[in-house]
Structures are given as structure tokens and as C-alpha cells.
N, C-alpha and C. Protein backbone atom coordinates (compact mmCIF):
# COMPACT_ATOMS: atom_id res chain seq x y z
N MET A 1 -7.12 28.99 -31.22
CA MET A 1 -7.10 27.51 -31.24
C MET A 1 -5.76 27.05 -30.76
N ALA A 2 -5.74 25.86 -30.24
CA ALA A 2 -4.52 25.32 -29.74
C ALA A 2 -3.67 24.77 -30.87
N GLY A 3 -2.43 25.15 -30.89
CA GLY A 3 -1.46 24.63 -31.85
C GLY A 3 -0.40 23.79 -31.16
N PRO A 4 0.63 23.38 -31.75
CA PRO A 4 1.68 22.63 -31.08
C PRO A 4 2.25 23.40 -29.89
N GLY A 5 2.24 22.80 -28.72
CA GLY A 5 2.82 23.47 -27.54
C GLY A 5 1.95 24.51 -26.88
N ARG A 6 0.84 24.85 -27.52
CA ARG A 6 -0.02 25.94 -26.93
C ARG A 6 -0.98 25.37 -25.86
N GLY A 7 -1.32 24.12 -25.94
CA GLY A 7 -2.31 23.54 -25.02
C GLY A 7 -1.85 23.64 -23.58
N ALA A 8 -0.62 23.50 -23.30
CA ALA A 8 -0.12 23.53 -21.90
C ALA A 8 0.03 24.94 -21.34
N LYS A 9 0.30 25.93 -22.24
CA LYS A 9 0.58 27.28 -21.79
C LYS A 9 -0.51 27.90 -20.98
N PRO A 10 -1.80 27.88 -21.39
CA PRO A 10 -2.85 28.49 -20.60
C PRO A 10 -2.93 27.88 -19.19
N ALA A 11 -2.84 26.54 -19.07
CA ALA A 11 -2.92 25.92 -17.78
C ALA A 11 -1.80 26.38 -16.88
N VAL A 12 -0.59 26.49 -17.39
CA VAL A 12 0.56 26.94 -16.61
C VAL A 12 0.32 28.36 -16.23
N ARG A 13 -0.14 29.23 -17.15
CA ARG A 13 -0.34 30.64 -16.86
C ARG A 13 -1.46 30.77 -15.81
N ALA A 14 -2.53 29.91 -15.89
CA ALA A 14 -3.61 30.00 -14.93
C ALA A 14 -3.09 29.65 -13.50
N LEU A 15 -2.29 28.63 -13.43
CA LEU A 15 -1.74 28.21 -12.10
C LEU A 15 -0.87 29.26 -11.55
N THR A 16 -0.02 29.87 -12.41
CA THR A 16 0.90 30.91 -11.94
C THR A 16 0.11 32.11 -11.50
N THR A 17 -0.87 32.52 -12.24
CA THR A 17 -1.72 33.68 -11.87
C THR A 17 -2.44 33.41 -10.57
N ALA A 18 -3.06 32.27 -10.45
CA ALA A 18 -3.73 31.90 -9.24
C ALA A 18 -2.84 31.89 -8.04
N ALA A 19 -1.62 31.46 -8.14
CA ALA A 19 -0.66 31.42 -7.12
C ALA A 19 -0.27 32.86 -6.69
N SER A 20 -0.13 33.78 -7.66
CA SER A 20 0.24 35.10 -7.32
C SER A 20 -0.90 35.85 -6.64
N VAL A 21 -2.11 35.52 -7.00
CA VAL A 21 -3.28 36.09 -6.33
C VAL A 21 -3.28 35.65 -4.81
N THR A 22 -3.09 34.35 -4.57
CA THR A 22 -3.17 33.86 -3.25
C THR A 22 -1.99 34.29 -2.37
N ARG A 23 -0.87 34.55 -3.00
CA ARG A 23 0.33 34.95 -2.22
C ARG A 23 0.25 36.36 -1.74
N SER A 24 -0.68 37.15 -2.31
CA SER A 24 -0.79 38.55 -1.98
C SER A 24 -1.19 38.76 -0.52
N GLY A 25 -1.93 37.80 0.03
CA GLY A 25 -2.28 37.95 1.46
C GLY A 25 -3.53 38.79 1.67
N ARG A 26 -4.09 39.32 0.56
CA ARG A 26 -5.31 40.13 0.74
C ARG A 26 -6.50 39.36 0.26
N PRO A 27 -7.64 39.39 0.98
CA PRO A 27 -8.86 38.70 0.45
C PRO A 27 -9.29 39.39 -0.86
N ARG A 28 -9.39 38.59 -1.92
CA ARG A 28 -9.74 39.15 -3.21
C ARG A 28 -10.65 38.15 -3.91
N ARG A 29 -11.35 38.65 -4.91
CA ARG A 29 -12.06 37.86 -5.78
C ARG A 29 -11.44 38.12 -7.17
N SER A 30 -11.00 37.00 -7.76
CA SER A 30 -10.30 37.15 -9.01
C SER A 30 -10.77 36.17 -10.01
N VAL A 31 -11.00 36.56 -11.21
CA VAL A 31 -11.36 35.63 -12.20
C VAL A 31 -10.24 35.60 -13.25
N ILE A 32 -9.71 34.43 -13.53
CA ILE A 32 -8.61 34.36 -14.45
C ILE A 32 -9.18 33.77 -15.72
N GLY A 33 -9.07 34.42 -16.85
CA GLY A 33 -9.70 33.95 -18.04
C GLY A 33 -8.70 33.55 -19.07
N GLY A 34 -9.17 33.25 -20.19
CA GLY A 34 -8.36 32.84 -21.35
C GLY A 34 -9.09 31.86 -22.19
N ASP A 35 -8.42 31.06 -22.99
CA ASP A 35 -9.08 30.04 -23.84
C ASP A 35 -9.31 28.79 -23.07
N TYR A 36 -9.52 28.87 -21.86
CA TYR A 36 -9.69 27.69 -20.95
C TYR A 36 -10.74 28.06 -19.93
N PRO A 37 -11.29 27.08 -19.23
CA PRO A 37 -12.31 27.40 -18.22
C PRO A 37 -11.83 28.38 -17.24
N LYS A 38 -12.74 29.23 -16.77
CA LYS A 38 -12.32 30.31 -15.81
C LYS A 38 -12.11 29.70 -14.47
N LEU A 39 -11.06 30.25 -13.76
CA LEU A 39 -10.69 29.81 -12.44
C LEU A 39 -11.07 30.94 -11.49
N VAL A 40 -11.81 30.67 -10.46
CA VAL A 40 -12.27 31.72 -9.52
C VAL A 40 -11.56 31.45 -8.17
N VAL A 41 -10.91 32.52 -7.64
CA VAL A 41 -10.35 32.46 -6.36
C VAL A 41 -11.16 33.46 -5.53
N ALA A 42 -11.98 32.93 -4.60
CA ALA A 42 -12.87 33.77 -3.83
C ALA A 42 -12.61 33.68 -2.38
N ARG A 43 -12.72 34.81 -1.65
CA ARG A 43 -12.58 34.84 -0.20
C ARG A 43 -11.29 34.11 0.27
N TRP A 44 -10.22 34.56 -0.19
CA TRP A 44 -8.97 33.93 0.13
C TRP A 44 -8.70 34.12 1.62
N ARG A 45 -8.16 33.07 2.28
CA ARG A 45 -7.74 33.18 3.68
C ARG A 45 -6.46 32.46 3.81
N PRO A 46 -5.53 32.91 4.58
CA PRO A 46 -4.28 32.28 4.73
C PRO A 46 -4.41 30.87 5.44
N ILE A 47 -3.61 29.96 5.01
CA ILE A 47 -3.57 28.61 5.63
C ILE A 47 -2.50 28.68 6.76
N PRO A 48 -2.88 28.19 7.93
CA PRO A 48 -1.90 28.25 9.04
C PRO A 48 -0.70 27.37 8.65
N PRO A 49 0.48 27.78 9.13
CA PRO A 49 1.65 26.97 8.84
C PRO A 49 1.56 25.63 9.51
N TYR A 50 2.22 24.67 8.91
CA TYR A 50 2.26 23.28 9.45
C TYR A 50 2.88 23.28 10.85
N SER A 51 2.34 22.58 11.71
CA SER A 51 2.94 22.43 13.08
C SER A 51 3.04 20.97 13.39
N ARG A 52 4.14 20.56 14.01
CA ARG A 52 4.30 19.14 14.37
C ARG A 52 3.30 18.72 15.39
N SER A 53 2.76 19.68 16.16
CA SER A 53 1.74 19.31 17.15
C SER A 53 0.34 19.11 16.60
N MET A 54 0.17 19.46 15.30
CA MET A 54 -1.12 19.23 14.63
C MET A 54 -1.38 17.69 14.51
N SER A 55 -2.60 17.34 14.75
CA SER A 55 -3.01 15.95 14.61
C SER A 55 -3.28 15.63 13.14
N VAL A 56 -2.48 14.82 12.55
CA VAL A 56 -2.62 14.45 11.12
C VAL A 56 -2.93 12.97 11.05
N PRO A 57 -4.07 12.62 10.40
CA PRO A 57 -4.36 11.17 10.36
C PRO A 57 -3.22 10.45 9.60
N ARG A 58 -2.84 9.34 10.14
CA ARG A 58 -1.78 8.55 9.52
C ARG A 58 -2.35 7.19 9.17
N PRO A 59 -1.88 6.61 8.12
CA PRO A 59 -2.32 5.26 7.76
C PRO A 59 -1.99 4.27 8.86
N GLU A 60 -2.78 3.28 8.91
CA GLU A 60 -2.54 2.16 9.85
C GLU A 60 -1.17 1.57 9.59
N ARG A 61 -0.49 1.27 10.62
CA ARG A 61 0.82 0.61 10.58
C ARG A 61 0.63 -0.83 11.02
N PHE A 62 0.73 -1.74 10.05
CA PHE A 62 0.63 -3.15 10.35
C PHE A 62 2.01 -3.81 10.33
N THR A 63 2.15 -4.93 10.96
CA THR A 63 3.34 -5.79 10.90
C THR A 63 3.05 -6.88 9.93
N ILE A 64 3.90 -6.94 8.85
CA ILE A 64 3.66 -7.89 7.77
C ILE A 64 4.96 -8.69 7.57
N LEU A 65 4.77 -10.04 7.48
CA LEU A 65 5.87 -10.92 7.18
C LEU A 65 5.83 -11.33 5.76
N VAL A 66 6.99 -11.27 5.08
CA VAL A 66 7.10 -11.69 3.69
C VAL A 66 7.97 -12.93 3.66
N ILE A 67 7.47 -14.09 3.17
CA ILE A 67 8.22 -15.31 3.10
C ILE A 67 8.39 -15.64 1.59
N ASP A 68 9.58 -15.46 1.09
CA ASP A 68 9.83 -15.72 -0.36
C ASP A 68 11.35 -16.06 -0.53
N ASP A 69 11.62 -17.14 -1.24
CA ASP A 69 12.99 -17.50 -1.46
C ASP A 69 13.71 -16.66 -2.47
N ASP A 70 12.99 -15.95 -3.33
CA ASP A 70 13.57 -15.03 -4.35
C ASP A 70 13.93 -13.74 -3.75
N GLU A 71 15.26 -13.51 -3.56
CA GLU A 71 15.68 -12.28 -2.87
C GLU A 71 15.14 -10.99 -3.56
N LEU A 72 15.18 -10.94 -4.90
CA LEU A 72 14.75 -9.79 -5.62
C LEU A 72 13.24 -9.50 -5.33
N VAL A 73 12.44 -10.49 -5.40
CA VAL A 73 10.96 -10.31 -5.14
C VAL A 73 10.74 -9.92 -3.67
N ARG A 74 11.48 -10.59 -2.77
CA ARG A 74 11.33 -10.32 -1.33
C ARG A 74 11.69 -8.86 -1.08
N GLU A 75 12.81 -8.35 -1.61
CA GLU A 75 13.25 -6.97 -1.39
C GLU A 75 12.25 -6.04 -1.98
N MET A 76 11.67 -6.29 -3.14
CA MET A 76 10.71 -5.44 -3.78
C MET A 76 9.45 -5.36 -2.96
N VAL A 77 8.94 -6.46 -2.49
CA VAL A 77 7.71 -6.45 -1.71
C VAL A 77 7.94 -5.78 -0.40
N VAL A 78 9.10 -5.97 0.25
CA VAL A 78 9.37 -5.31 1.55
C VAL A 78 9.41 -3.79 1.29
N GLU A 79 10.03 -3.33 0.23
CA GLU A 79 10.15 -1.89 -0.05
C GLU A 79 8.78 -1.30 -0.31
N LEU A 80 7.94 -2.00 -1.11
CA LEU A 80 6.59 -1.53 -1.38
C LEU A 80 5.77 -1.38 -0.10
N LEU A 81 5.87 -2.31 0.80
CA LEU A 81 5.11 -2.27 2.03
C LEU A 81 5.65 -1.22 2.98
N GLN A 82 6.98 -1.06 3.00
CA GLN A 82 7.57 -0.06 3.92
C GLN A 82 7.19 1.34 3.43
N THR A 83 7.09 1.58 2.14
CA THR A 83 6.69 2.88 1.66
C THR A 83 5.25 3.26 2.09
N GLU A 84 4.47 2.23 2.41
CA GLU A 84 3.12 2.47 2.94
C GLU A 84 3.05 2.61 4.41
N GLY A 85 4.24 2.58 5.02
CA GLY A 85 4.35 2.79 6.48
C GLY A 85 4.27 1.54 7.33
N HIS A 86 4.23 0.40 6.76
CA HIS A 86 4.14 -0.85 7.52
C HIS A 86 5.50 -1.26 8.07
N ARG A 87 5.45 -2.02 9.15
CA ARG A 87 6.61 -2.67 9.69
C ARG A 87 6.76 -4.01 8.97
N VAL A 88 7.84 -4.26 8.30
CA VAL A 88 7.93 -5.44 7.41
C VAL A 88 9.13 -6.29 7.83
N LEU A 89 8.83 -7.58 8.02
CA LEU A 89 9.83 -8.57 8.30
C LEU A 89 9.95 -9.47 7.10
N SER A 90 11.05 -10.12 6.94
CA SER A 90 11.18 -11.05 5.79
C SER A 90 11.90 -12.29 6.21
N ALA A 91 11.59 -13.39 5.43
CA ALA A 91 12.23 -14.70 5.64
C ALA A 91 12.44 -15.29 4.27
N SER A 92 13.55 -16.06 4.07
CA SER A 92 13.85 -16.57 2.78
C SER A 92 13.49 -18.03 2.68
N SER A 93 12.86 -18.60 3.68
CA SER A 93 12.42 -20.02 3.62
C SER A 93 11.18 -20.16 4.48
N GLY A 94 10.52 -21.28 4.21
CA GLY A 94 9.34 -21.56 5.04
C GLY A 94 9.68 -21.82 6.46
N GLU A 95 10.78 -22.49 6.73
CA GLU A 95 11.27 -22.76 8.09
C GLU A 95 11.52 -21.43 8.83
N ASP A 96 12.31 -20.55 8.19
CA ASP A 96 12.64 -19.27 8.83
C ASP A 96 11.34 -18.44 9.05
N GLY A 97 10.40 -18.52 8.11
CA GLY A 97 9.14 -17.83 8.18
C GLY A 97 8.35 -18.24 9.43
N LEU A 98 8.27 -19.59 9.63
CA LEU A 98 7.53 -20.11 10.76
C LEU A 98 8.16 -19.68 12.08
N ALA A 99 9.47 -19.66 12.14
CA ALA A 99 10.19 -19.20 13.34
C ALA A 99 9.88 -17.76 13.60
N THR A 100 9.87 -16.91 12.56
CA THR A 100 9.55 -15.50 12.71
C THR A 100 8.14 -15.31 13.18
N VAL A 101 7.18 -16.06 12.61
CA VAL A 101 5.79 -15.92 13.00
C VAL A 101 5.62 -16.22 14.51
N ARG A 102 6.35 -17.22 15.04
CA ARG A 102 6.21 -17.55 16.43
C ARG A 102 6.86 -16.41 17.36
N ALA A 103 7.91 -15.83 16.84
CA ALA A 103 8.64 -14.76 17.61
C ALA A 103 7.90 -13.46 17.60
N VAL A 104 7.39 -13.11 16.42
CA VAL A 104 6.66 -11.84 16.27
C VAL A 104 5.37 -12.16 15.59
N ARG A 105 4.27 -11.91 16.27
CA ARG A 105 2.98 -12.22 15.74
C ARG A 105 2.57 -11.13 14.69
N PRO A 106 2.76 -11.40 13.39
CA PRO A 106 2.45 -10.37 12.39
C PRO A 106 0.90 -10.22 12.23
N ASP A 107 0.50 -9.12 11.61
CA ASP A 107 -0.87 -8.93 11.25
C ASP A 107 -1.26 -9.61 10.00
N LEU A 108 -0.27 -9.84 9.10
CA LEU A 108 -0.45 -10.47 7.78
C LEU A 108 0.78 -11.21 7.40
N ILE A 109 0.60 -12.29 6.72
CA ILE A 109 1.72 -13.04 6.16
C ILE A 109 1.55 -13.19 4.66
N LEU A 110 2.64 -12.87 3.87
CA LEU A 110 2.63 -13.04 2.48
C LEU A 110 3.62 -14.15 2.22
N VAL A 111 3.21 -15.21 1.52
CA VAL A 111 4.09 -16.38 1.30
C VAL A 111 4.06 -16.81 -0.18
N ASP A 112 5.30 -17.06 -0.67
CA ASP A 112 5.50 -17.59 -1.97
C ASP A 112 5.05 -19.07 -1.99
N HIS A 113 4.53 -19.52 -3.06
CA HIS A 113 4.12 -20.91 -3.14
C HIS A 113 5.32 -21.85 -3.44
N HIS A 114 6.07 -21.53 -4.51
CA HIS A 114 7.14 -22.37 -4.93
C HIS A 114 8.46 -21.96 -4.25
N MET A 115 8.83 -22.75 -3.20
CA MET A 115 10.08 -22.52 -2.50
C MET A 115 10.77 -23.89 -2.28
N PRO A 116 12.07 -23.93 -2.30
CA PRO A 116 12.76 -25.17 -1.98
C PRO A 116 12.53 -25.60 -0.49
N GLY A 117 12.59 -26.80 -0.15
CA GLY A 117 12.33 -27.21 1.18
C GLY A 117 10.84 -27.20 1.44
N MET A 118 10.38 -26.37 2.35
CA MET A 118 9.03 -26.26 2.69
C MET A 118 8.33 -25.34 1.72
N THR A 119 7.26 -25.85 1.04
CA THR A 119 6.53 -25.03 0.05
C THR A 119 5.61 -24.06 0.81
N GLY A 120 5.06 -23.10 0.07
CA GLY A 120 4.10 -22.16 0.62
C GLY A 120 2.86 -22.90 1.13
N HIS A 121 2.45 -23.92 0.42
CA HIS A 121 1.30 -24.78 0.80
C HIS A 121 1.54 -25.38 2.21
N GLU A 122 2.76 -25.90 2.41
CA GLU A 122 3.09 -26.56 3.69
C GLU A 122 3.17 -25.44 4.82
N VAL A 123 3.66 -24.28 4.49
CA VAL A 123 3.70 -23.14 5.46
C VAL A 123 2.28 -22.86 5.88
N VAL A 124 1.40 -22.66 4.94
CA VAL A 124 -0.01 -22.31 5.25
C VAL A 124 -0.64 -23.43 6.12
N GLN A 125 -0.43 -24.69 5.78
CA GLN A 125 -0.98 -25.79 6.52
C GLN A 125 -0.48 -25.77 7.96
N ARG A 126 0.77 -25.54 8.18
CA ARG A 126 1.35 -25.53 9.58
C ARG A 126 0.83 -24.34 10.36
N LEU A 127 0.75 -23.20 9.69
CA LEU A 127 0.21 -22.00 10.36
C LEU A 127 -1.19 -22.23 10.83
N LYS A 128 -2.01 -22.76 9.94
CA LYS A 128 -3.46 -22.92 10.22
C LYS A 128 -3.71 -24.04 11.25
N ALA A 129 -2.76 -25.02 11.33
CA ALA A 129 -2.93 -26.10 12.26
C ALA A 129 -2.60 -25.72 13.72
N ASP A 130 -1.91 -24.60 13.89
CA ASP A 130 -1.47 -24.14 15.23
C ASP A 130 -2.51 -23.10 15.70
N ALA A 131 -3.08 -23.29 16.86
CA ALA A 131 -4.11 -22.40 17.38
C ALA A 131 -3.54 -20.93 17.57
N SER A 132 -2.28 -20.81 17.86
CA SER A 132 -1.72 -19.45 18.09
C SER A 132 -1.45 -18.72 16.77
N THR A 133 -1.27 -19.41 15.69
CA THR A 133 -0.96 -18.73 14.43
C THR A 133 -2.12 -18.90 13.41
N GLY A 134 -3.05 -19.79 13.67
CA GLY A 134 -4.14 -20.05 12.75
C GLY A 134 -4.93 -18.82 12.39
N PRO A 135 -5.23 -17.87 13.31
CA PRO A 135 -6.04 -16.72 12.95
C PRO A 135 -5.33 -15.67 12.05
N ILE A 136 -4.03 -15.74 11.94
CA ILE A 136 -3.27 -14.74 11.15
C ILE A 136 -3.63 -14.96 9.68
N PRO A 137 -4.09 -13.94 8.93
CA PRO A 137 -4.39 -14.09 7.54
C PRO A 137 -3.11 -14.29 6.73
N VAL A 138 -3.19 -15.25 5.73
CA VAL A 138 -2.07 -15.50 4.88
C VAL A 138 -2.49 -15.30 3.42
N VAL A 139 -1.62 -14.56 2.71
CA VAL A 139 -1.84 -14.31 1.27
C VAL A 139 -0.75 -15.02 0.49
N ALA A 140 -1.15 -15.70 -0.54
CA ALA A 140 -0.15 -16.41 -1.42
C ALA A 140 0.30 -15.51 -2.53
N LEU A 141 1.62 -15.35 -2.63
CA LEU A 141 2.19 -14.66 -3.81
C LEU A 141 2.65 -15.76 -4.72
N THR A 142 2.03 -15.94 -5.90
CA THR A 142 2.34 -17.08 -6.71
C THR A 142 2.17 -16.86 -8.16
N SER A 143 2.99 -17.57 -8.94
CA SER A 143 2.82 -17.60 -10.39
C SER A 143 2.09 -18.84 -10.76
N ALA A 144 1.78 -19.64 -9.75
CA ALA A 144 1.02 -20.90 -10.01
C ALA A 144 -0.43 -20.59 -10.28
N GLY A 145 -1.12 -21.57 -10.77
CA GLY A 145 -2.53 -21.40 -10.99
C GLY A 145 -3.23 -22.73 -10.80
N GLY A 146 -4.54 -22.74 -11.11
CA GLY A 146 -5.24 -23.99 -11.10
C GLY A 146 -5.22 -24.71 -9.83
N GLU A 147 -4.72 -25.97 -9.87
CA GLU A 147 -4.76 -26.84 -8.77
C GLU A 147 -3.95 -26.34 -7.53
N ASP A 148 -2.76 -25.73 -7.82
CA ASP A 148 -1.95 -25.18 -6.72
C ASP A 148 -2.72 -24.05 -5.93
N VAL A 149 -3.38 -23.21 -6.62
CA VAL A 149 -4.18 -22.18 -6.02
C VAL A 149 -5.33 -22.78 -5.22
N HIS A 150 -5.94 -23.78 -5.75
CA HIS A 150 -7.07 -24.51 -5.04
C HIS A 150 -6.52 -25.11 -3.75
N LYS A 151 -5.35 -25.74 -3.78
CA LYS A 151 -4.80 -26.35 -2.61
C LYS A 151 -4.46 -25.31 -1.54
N LEU A 152 -3.88 -24.18 -1.98
CA LEU A 152 -3.55 -23.09 -1.05
C LEU A 152 -4.84 -22.57 -0.38
N SER A 153 -5.89 -22.40 -1.14
CA SER A 153 -7.15 -21.98 -0.66
C SER A 153 -7.68 -22.93 0.41
N LEU A 154 -7.63 -24.23 0.11
CA LEU A 154 -8.15 -25.19 1.05
C LEU A 154 -7.26 -25.26 2.34
N ALA A 155 -6.00 -24.94 2.19
CA ALA A 155 -5.11 -24.90 3.35
C ALA A 155 -5.37 -23.70 4.20
N GLY A 156 -5.98 -22.66 3.70
CA GLY A 156 -6.34 -21.51 4.51
C GLY A 156 -5.90 -20.17 4.01
N ALA A 157 -5.25 -20.03 2.87
CA ALA A 157 -4.88 -18.74 2.31
C ALA A 157 -6.12 -17.94 2.07
N VAL A 158 -6.12 -16.68 2.45
CA VAL A 158 -7.36 -15.82 2.28
C VAL A 158 -7.34 -15.17 0.93
N ALA A 159 -6.23 -15.01 0.26
CA ALA A 159 -6.19 -14.34 -1.05
C ALA A 159 -4.91 -14.79 -1.80
N PHE A 160 -4.92 -14.46 -3.08
CA PHE A 160 -3.77 -14.77 -3.96
C PHE A 160 -3.44 -13.52 -4.73
N ILE A 161 -2.18 -13.25 -4.82
CA ILE A 161 -1.70 -12.18 -5.69
C ILE A 161 -0.78 -12.81 -6.72
N PRO A 162 -1.18 -12.82 -8.00
CA PRO A 162 -0.35 -13.50 -9.04
C PRO A 162 0.89 -12.67 -9.27
N LYS A 163 2.02 -13.37 -9.54
CA LYS A 163 3.28 -12.81 -9.93
C LYS A 163 3.41 -12.98 -11.43
N PRO A 164 3.96 -12.00 -12.13
CA PRO A 164 4.34 -10.67 -11.65
C PRO A 164 3.11 -9.81 -11.32
N PHE A 165 3.34 -8.76 -10.58
CA PHE A 165 2.17 -7.86 -10.23
C PHE A 165 2.58 -6.43 -10.41
N ASP A 166 1.57 -5.56 -10.58
CA ASP A 166 1.74 -4.11 -10.75
C ASP A 166 1.90 -3.56 -9.32
N PRO A 167 2.97 -2.83 -9.08
CA PRO A 167 3.17 -2.26 -7.68
C PRO A 167 1.99 -1.45 -7.10
N SER A 168 1.39 -0.59 -7.95
CA SER A 168 0.24 0.17 -7.46
C SER A 168 -0.93 -0.75 -7.13
N GLU A 169 -1.22 -1.70 -7.97
CA GLU A 169 -2.31 -2.65 -7.74
C GLU A 169 -1.98 -3.49 -6.50
N PHE A 170 -0.74 -3.89 -6.32
CA PHE A 170 -0.28 -4.68 -5.16
C PHE A 170 -0.61 -3.90 -3.86
N ARG A 171 -0.21 -2.64 -3.80
CA ARG A 171 -0.46 -1.80 -2.60
C ARG A 171 -1.88 -1.70 -2.30
N ARG A 172 -2.71 -1.53 -3.33
CA ARG A 172 -4.14 -1.42 -3.16
C ARG A 172 -4.71 -2.74 -2.61
N LEU A 173 -4.30 -3.82 -3.20
CA LEU A 173 -4.80 -5.15 -2.76
C LEU A 173 -4.46 -5.38 -1.28
N ILE A 174 -3.21 -5.12 -0.93
CA ILE A 174 -2.82 -5.32 0.46
C ILE A 174 -3.62 -4.43 1.40
N ALA A 175 -3.84 -3.19 1.05
CA ALA A 175 -4.70 -2.34 1.91
C ALA A 175 -6.09 -2.92 2.04
N ASP A 176 -6.63 -3.37 0.95
CA ASP A 176 -7.96 -3.97 0.95
C ASP A 176 -8.02 -5.24 1.87
N ILE A 177 -7.03 -6.07 1.66
CA ILE A 177 -6.91 -7.35 2.43
C ILE A 177 -6.82 -7.04 3.92
N LEU A 178 -5.94 -6.09 4.29
CA LEU A 178 -5.75 -5.74 5.66
C LEU A 178 -7.04 -5.18 6.27
N SER A 179 -7.71 -4.29 5.51
CA SER A 179 -8.98 -3.79 6.01
C SER A 179 -10.00 -4.82 6.28
N VAL A 180 -10.15 -5.79 5.37
CA VAL A 180 -11.17 -6.87 5.49
C VAL A 180 -10.72 -7.85 6.57
N THR A 181 -9.50 -8.28 6.57
CA THR A 181 -9.12 -9.33 7.52
C THR A 181 -8.89 -8.87 9.00
N THR A 182 -8.46 -7.61 9.18
CA THR A 182 -8.26 -7.11 10.50
C THR A 182 -9.41 -6.30 11.05
N GLY A 183 -10.25 -5.79 10.13
CA GLY A 183 -11.33 -4.94 10.56
C GLY A 183 -10.86 -3.56 11.02
N ARG A 184 -9.57 -3.27 10.77
CA ARG A 184 -9.03 -1.94 11.17
C ARG A 184 -8.47 -1.21 9.98
N THR A 185 -8.61 0.04 10.03
CA THR A 185 -7.93 0.92 9.04
C THR A 185 -7.07 1.93 9.61
N ARG A 186 -7.20 2.13 10.94
CA ARG A 186 -6.30 3.08 11.70
C ARG A 186 -5.97 2.46 13.04
N ARG A 187 -4.74 2.68 13.45
CA ARG A 187 -4.30 2.28 14.76
C ARG A 187 -3.84 3.49 15.52
N THR A 188 -4.26 3.65 16.76
CA THR A 188 -3.81 4.78 17.54
C THR A 188 -2.47 4.49 18.02
N GLU A 189 -1.59 5.53 17.95
CA GLU A 189 -0.17 5.38 18.36
C GLU A 189 -0.15 5.24 19.83
N SER A 190 0.73 4.32 20.32
CA SER A 190 0.81 4.14 21.81
C SER A 190 2.16 4.67 22.29
């Protein structure tokens, strides 16, 4: 029976034994037993070494603009999106964000609602009023609720991510939003 510290030992032993069987290079059938479920390694074959010429599916790389006056939030969001392989641009104000959108047509825009000067609501309204930027999906990052969220929705925001947010959940939501709004999940490299 498992006592203190004993529960992990069989699993570690099983993994070590399985690894030594596969490293032998000889096709073997081995059953590794113990007080845990049996692990079967059957018809072992070597895995070819990794080659840079191998075609490996890569996640879609999108261009995403983050507009948020809070530097800490902006940097965190940029880092989260970059770790997913996206090209990420950022702006600290609505005005700078609109200029960036016109210069670089992003696939997605994330905008904070509460910003000094031009609010997120005003940014969304201006983007949607312009035929060249109107089709770009906009997601509101906001701690606001109720009426503010309703106004952003009417202005054209496609989704809302409440602040604060869980980084894992944030990455999943962004992937889902990009998939739905762009209809793409992979881009061929040019």
C-alpha cells in the first residue's frame, strides 16, 4: 500500500524503466509491473532525429494591436500574445491606436474602455465608422460592466474580456475570437 512518499516512486520507476527499454535500440516487448497499472512498450522503432527541413505545423501568426493606457496591463497583454507567436503592436492612447490602425492594418484590435482623452467606446465608434477599418474585429478589455459594455457592443465590439483576467483563459479566448472573426487558424508562410 502507498505510504508517505511512496505514491510517486512507482511512477518514476516506470518512466525510468520505460526510457531504458526504448533507449536500447532493439525492438522489444516489455511489460513493466508493480503496484501500478502495467505499461507496455511494444514494437519499438527509433524516431528520426529532428530536422529543420521537416514541415512542422505552426500556429497562425496574426497582427494584433493592443490599445491601453495602463503600461503594466499593456506590457502583460503584449507578452501573452507574443508567446503565442503573434506580431503585437501597442498604443497608449486612443489617438495613437487609431494612427497605428491606419498605418498597419491589424487582424485584431484589443482596446481598454477607460482611457483618458479618447475612451475605448470612442475608438470603437471611429473604427467602425471608417470603411477601411470597420471590418477589423475589436475586443474590449474592460473592468466596466452593465451600460458601458452595452455601449461598446452597440458601437461594434465583437467581444469583451473582463479585467483582471486569467492568462491561460485570455490566450484561449483570443485564439477562439481570431478563429471565429477571421475564419483562419493557419497562415502559410510567404
